[in-house]
């Protein structure tokens, strides 16, 4: 299993590099880049779901929520492939903003849910308190994006321009990612079992990539208008492949 996963991970990364060299930012190249990203995120989600079946205690719902979070990115990548590869328009155009607004909060939202699990209880079941926390997280994430990202780019009375609205949305995302990292550090300190502590510690490595590398890539995508089909797309792919390897070895 480990050997097959390693071959698959190396193959996806290698195909990504080949796409950049051979196709670049052409419509076909953009489509291939996003389809490879969708494949990487789907692979990461599948490996997380496999870890969920093997896990016990609090790590069981943890892997389920992280798996949903990383797998949800494949939907975003497919939307990008459709807009850039098929329609030949940037997904940041007005027609695509609503879709991206609804989908962008999904990954950090599920990560926050995973980190709101109580490591001291070490229970594989979600109690009523956890479900109430999840509902509150959903409300906070979606209303944050609605008021600070979608409405400023669409409301005539409050319009700040599409580019400015997207940049404002980026700062919202970065703030959320910093908060998620802080929460992961707190949970790692609270965990009493070494296995659970290692779970949060390893998750921090991905969250650091999620904050720094992906944050820089999104910045170039918004501010510099860098299209899909460049090495920046590999940033997302490598992050998901790292999660796949981590979950596969759990």
Protein backbone atom coordinates (compact mmCIF):
# COMPACT_ATOMS: atom_id res chain seq x y z
CA UNK A 1 0.00 0.00 0.00
CA UNK A 2 2.78 2.43 0.94
CA UNK A 3 4.67 1.68 -2.28
CA UNK A 4 1.58 2.18 -4.45
CA UNK A 5 0.80 5.45 -2.68
CA UNK A 6 4.36 6.68 -3.18
CA UNK A 7 4.21 5.88 -6.90
CA UNK A 8 0.86 7.66 -7.22
CA UNK A 9 2.09 10.74 -5.32
CA UNK A 10 5.27 11.00 -7.40
CA UNK A 11 3.25 10.44 -10.58
CA UNK A 12 0.81 13.28 -9.85
CA UNK A 13 3.62 15.68 -8.96
CA UNK A 14 5.56 14.66 -12.07
CA UNK A 15 2.55 15.15 -14.33
CA UNK A 16 2.07 18.60 -12.84
CA UNK A 17 5.62 19.58 -13.77
CA UNK A 18 5.16 18.13 -17.27
CA UNK A 19 1.96 20.15 -17.68
CA UNK A 20 3.76 23.39 -16.80
CA UNK A 21 6.56 22.66 -19.28
CA UNK A 22 4.43 21.33 -22.14
CA UNK A 23 1.12 23.21 -21.88
CA UNK A 24 1.73 26.19 -19.62
CA UNK A 25 -1.12 28.65 -19.17
CA UNK A 26 -3.06 27.62 -22.27
CA UNK A 27 -6.74 26.71 -21.72
CA UNK A 28 -5.80 23.02 -21.92
CA UNK A 29 -2.91 23.56 -19.53
CA UNK A 30 -5.16 25.36 -17.04
CA UNK A 31 -7.68 22.52 -17.21
CA UNK A 32 -5.03 19.82 -16.73
CA UNK A 33 -3.46 21.73 -13.82
CA UNK A 34 -6.78 22.04 -12.00
CA UNK A 35 -7.77 18.45 -12.76
CA UNK A 36 -4.48 17.26 -11.27
CA UNK A 37 -5.17 19.45 -8.23
CA UNK A 38 -8.63 17.91 -7.93
CA UNK A 39 -7.09 14.44 -8.16
CA UNK A 40 -4.56 15.28 -5.42
CA UNK A 41 -7.24 16.63 -3.07
CA UNK A 42 -9.49 13.63 -3.76
CA UNK A 43 -6.56 11.31 -3.02
CA UNK A 44 -5.85 13.15 0.24
CA UNK A 45 -9.52 12.90 1.21
CA UNK A 46 -9.60 9.19 0.40
CA UNK A 47 -6.52 8.48 2.51
CA UNK A 48 -8.03 10.50 5.39
CA UNK A 49 -11.21 8.43 5.17
CA UNK A 50 -9.05 5.30 5.29
CA UNK A 51 -7.35 6.63 8.42
CA UNK A 52 -10.82 7.36 9.83
CA UNK A 53 -11.77 3.68 9.49
CA UNK A 54 -8.57 2.58 11.24
CA UNK A 55 -8.58 5.24 13.98
CA UNK A 56 -9.90 5.07 17.52
CA UNK A 57 -10.91 7.74 20.01
CA UNK A 58 -10.86 11.43 19.09
CA UNK A 59 -8.65 10.76 16.07
CA UNK A 60 -11.60 9.03 14.39
CA UNK A 61 -13.85 12.14 13.96
CA UNK A 62 -10.67 14.18 13.43
CA UNK A 63 -9.74 12.24 10.30
CA UNK A 64 -13.32 12.33 9.04
CA UNK A 65 -13.52 16.13 9.27
CA UNK A 66 -10.05 16.71 7.83
CA UNK A 67 -10.90 14.30 4.99
CA UNK A 68 -14.06 16.22 4.13
CA UNK A 69 -12.10 19.48 4.29
CA UNK A 70 -9.33 18.45 1.89
CA UNK A 71 -11.68 16.58 -0.44
CA UNK A 72 -13.92 19.66 -0.75
CA UNK A 73 -11.07 21.45 -2.54
CA UNK A 74 -11.54 19.11 -5.50
CA UNK A 75 -14.92 20.78 -6.13
CA UNK A 76 -13.21 24.19 -6.28
CA UNK A 77 -10.54 22.88 -8.66
CA UNK A 78 -13.20 21.41 -10.93
CA UNK A 79 -14.96 24.80 -10.98
CA UNK A 80 -11.66 26.45 -11.95
CA UNK A 81 -11.11 23.87 -14.70
CA UNK A 82 -14.59 24.57 -16.05
CA UNK A 83 -14.23 28.36 -16.06
CA UNK A 84 -10.64 28.60 -17.32
CA UNK A 85 -10.45 25.53 -19.53
CA UNK A 86 -13.96 25.31 -20.97
CA UNK A 87 -15.38 28.85 -20.82
CA UNK A 88 -11.96 30.54 -21.20
CA UNK A 89 -12.75 33.11 -18.53
CA UNK A 90 -11.12 33.77 -15.18
CA UNK A 91 -13.07 32.22 -12.28
CA UNK A 92 -12.67 35.54 -10.47
CA UNK A 93 -15.09 37.04 -12.97
CA UNK A 94 -18.45 38.12 -11.55
CA UNK A 95 -20.13 34.93 -12.79
CA UNK A 96 -17.86 32.79 -10.68
CA UNK A 97 -17.58 34.84 -7.50
CA UNK A 98 -20.75 33.43 -5.92
CA UNK A 99 -19.63 29.84 -6.42
CA UNK A 100 -16.18 30.52 -5.03
CA UNK A 101 -17.66 32.46 -2.11
CA UNK A 102 -19.76 29.48 -1.11
CA UNK A 103 -16.94 26.96 -1.56
CA UNK A 104 -13.85 28.77 -0.25
CA UNK A 105 -14.83 28.56 3.46
CA UNK A 106 -15.29 24.78 3.32
CA UNK A 107 -11.73 23.62 3.94
CA UNK A 108 -10.87 25.95 6.87
CA UNK A 109 -14.35 25.42 8.29
CA UNK A 110 -13.89 21.64 8.54
CA UNK A 111 -10.36 22.12 9.88
CA UNK A 112 -11.79 24.34 12.64
CA UNK A 113 -14.38 21.66 13.43
CA UNK A 114 -11.63 19.04 13.72
CA UNK A 115 -9.68 21.27 16.09
CA UNK A 116 -12.73 21.98 18.26
CA UNK A 117 -12.89 18.31 19.23
CA UNK A 118 -12.03 17.76 22.89
CA UNK A 119 -8.76 15.75 23.09
CA UNK A 120 -9.27 15.13 26.81
CA UNK A 121 -12.49 13.21 26.21
CA UNK A 122 -10.80 11.11 23.51
CA UNK A 123 -14.19 9.92 22.32
CA UNK A 124 -14.92 8.58 18.85
CA UNK A 125 -18.52 9.83 19.07
CA UNK A 126 -19.74 13.39 18.65
CA UNK A 127 -21.84 14.61 21.57
CA UNK A 128 -24.43 17.40 21.57
CA UNK A 129 -21.85 19.97 22.69
CA UNK A 130 -19.63 19.20 19.69
CA UNK A 131 -22.57 19.44 17.28
CA UNK A 132 -23.54 22.85 18.68
CA UNK A 133 -19.93 24.01 18.23
CA UNK A 134 -20.02 22.82 14.61
CA UNK A 135 -23.22 24.74 13.89
CA UNK A 136 -21.68 27.89 15.34
CA UNK A 137 -18.53 27.42 13.24
CA UNK A 138 -20.61 27.06 10.06
CA UNK A 139 -22.53 30.25 10.84
CA UNK A 140 -19.38 32.24 11.64
CA UNK A 141 -17.46 31.12 8.54
CA UNK A 142 -20.20 31.68 6.01
CA UNK A 143 -21.39 35.00 7.41
CA UNK A 144 -17.78 36.20 7.60
CA UNK A 145 -17.34 35.49 3.90
CA UNK A 146 -20.76 36.91 3.09
CA UNK A 147 -20.22 40.27 4.79
CA UNK A 148 -16.50 40.74 4.19
CA UNK A 149 -16.14 39.17 0.75
CA UNK A 150 -19.33 38.73 -1.28
CA UNK A 151 -21.41 41.78 -0.33
CA UNK A 152 -18.57 44.35 -0.81
CA UNK A 153 -18.06 43.09 -4.39
CA UNK A 154 -21.76 43.12 -5.34
CA UNK A 155 -23.67 45.69 -3.31
CA UNK A 156 -23.95 48.98 -5.30
CA UNK A 157 -23.91 51.04 -2.15
CA UNK A 158 -20.87 49.32 -0.67
CA UNK A 159 -19.02 48.26 -3.80
CA UNK A 160 -15.23 48.27 -3.38
CA UNK A 161 -14.44 46.71 -6.75
CA UNK A 162 -13.97 43.05 -7.58
CA UNK A 163 -10.18 43.01 -7.18
CA UNK A 164 -10.35 44.86 -3.86
CA UNK A 165 -13.09 42.54 -2.67
CA UNK A 166 -11.04 39.48 -3.57
CA UNK A 167 -8.01 40.91 -1.80
CA UNK A 168 -10.15 41.62 1.24
CA UNK A 169 -11.32 38.02 1.11
CA UNK A 170 -7.67 36.90 1.06
CA UNK A 171 -6.95 38.76 4.29
CA UNK A 172 -10.02 37.16 5.85
CA UNK A 173 -8.72 33.73 4.83
CA UNK A 174 -5.24 34.42 6.21
CA UNK A 175 -6.68 35.59 9.51
CA UNK A 176 -8.74 32.43 9.77
CA UNK A 177 -5.71 30.28 8.99
CA UNK A 178 -3.65 31.97 11.71
CA UNK A 179 -6.49 31.35 14.18
CA UNK A 180 -6.65 27.68 13.14
CA UNK A 181 -2.90 27.28 13.70
CA UNK A 182 -3.26 28.85 17.14
CA UNK A 183 -6.08 26.46 17.97
CA UNK A 184 -3.99 23.49 16.83
CA UNK A 185 -1.18 24.55 19.17
CA UNK A 186 -3.63 24.82 22.08
CA UNK A 187 -5.10 21.38 21.35
CA UNK A 188 -1.65 19.84 21.08
CA UNK A 189 -0.81 21.22 24.54
CA UNK A 190 -4.12 19.90 25.96
CA UNK A 191 -3.77 16.38 24.59
CA UNK A 192 -2.84 13.85 27.25
CA UNK A 193 -2.17 10.84 25.00
CA UNK A 194 1.08 10.89 22.98
CA UNK A 195 -0.73 9.57 19.89
CA UNK A 196 -3.27 12.40 19.96
CA UNK A 197 -0.52 14.95 20.61
CA UNK A 198 1.36 13.63 17.58
CA UNK A 199 -1.83 13.96 15.53
CA UNK A 200 -2.06 17.69 16.23
CA UNK A 201 1.70 18.17 15.87
CA UNK A 202 1.71 16.60 12.40
CA UNK A 203 -1.35 18.61 11.44
CA UNK A 204 0.59 21.78 12.28
CA UNK A 205 3.06 21.03 9.46
CA UNK A 206 0.25 21.02 6.92
CA UNK A 207 -1.38 24.10 8.46
CA UNK A 208 1.93 25.97 8.18
CA UNK A 209 2.03 25.11 4.47
CA UNK A 210 -1.66 26.05 4.25
CA UNK A 211 -0.92 29.47 5.73
CA UNK A 212 2.39 30.40 4.10
CA UNK A 213 2.76 28.63 0.74
CA UNK A 214 -0.89 28.62 -0.26
CA UNK A 215 -1.34 32.15 1.05
CA UNK A 216 1.47 33.41 -1.20
CA UNK A 217 0.01 31.49 -4.18
CA UNK A 218 -3.44 33.00 -3.65
CA UNK A 219 -1.89 36.45 -3.32
CA UNK A 220 -0.19 36.12 -6.72
CA UNK A 221 -3.39 34.75 -8.22
CA UNK A 222 -5.42 37.76 -7.03
CA UNK A 223 -2.94 40.66 -7.13
CA UNK A 224 -0.73 39.64 -10.07
CA UNK A 225 -3.51 37.89 -12.02
CA UNK A 226 -1.34 34.79 -12.49
CA UNK A 227 -3.40 32.27 -14.50
CA UNK A 228 -3.59 28.55 -13.87
CA UNK A 229 -0.98 26.35 -15.46
CA UNK A 230 2.11 27.65 -13.64
CA UNK A 231 4.22 26.19 -10.85
CA UNK A 232 1.99 28.03 -8.37
CA UNK A 233 -0.64 25.34 -8.96
CA UNK A 234 1.90 22.80 -7.72
CA UNK A 235 1.77 24.52 -4.32
CA UNK A 236 -1.78 23.26 -3.74
CA UNK A 237 -1.00 19.83 -5.17
CA UNK A 238 2.06 19.26 -2.95
CA UNK A 239 0.09 20.20 0.16
CA UNK A 240 -2.61 17.64 -0.60
CA UNK A 241 -0.08 14.97 -1.53
CA UNK A 242 1.62 15.56 1.82
CA UNK A 243 -1.70 15.00 3.60
CA UNK A 244 -2.23 11.80 1.58
CA UNK A 245 1.15 10.42 2.68
CA UNK A 246 0.55 11.43 6.29
CA UNK A 247 -2.92 9.87 6.44
CA UNK A 248 -1.77 6.76 4.58
CA UNK A 249 0.86 6.09 7.22
CA UNK A 250 -1.43 6.68 10.21
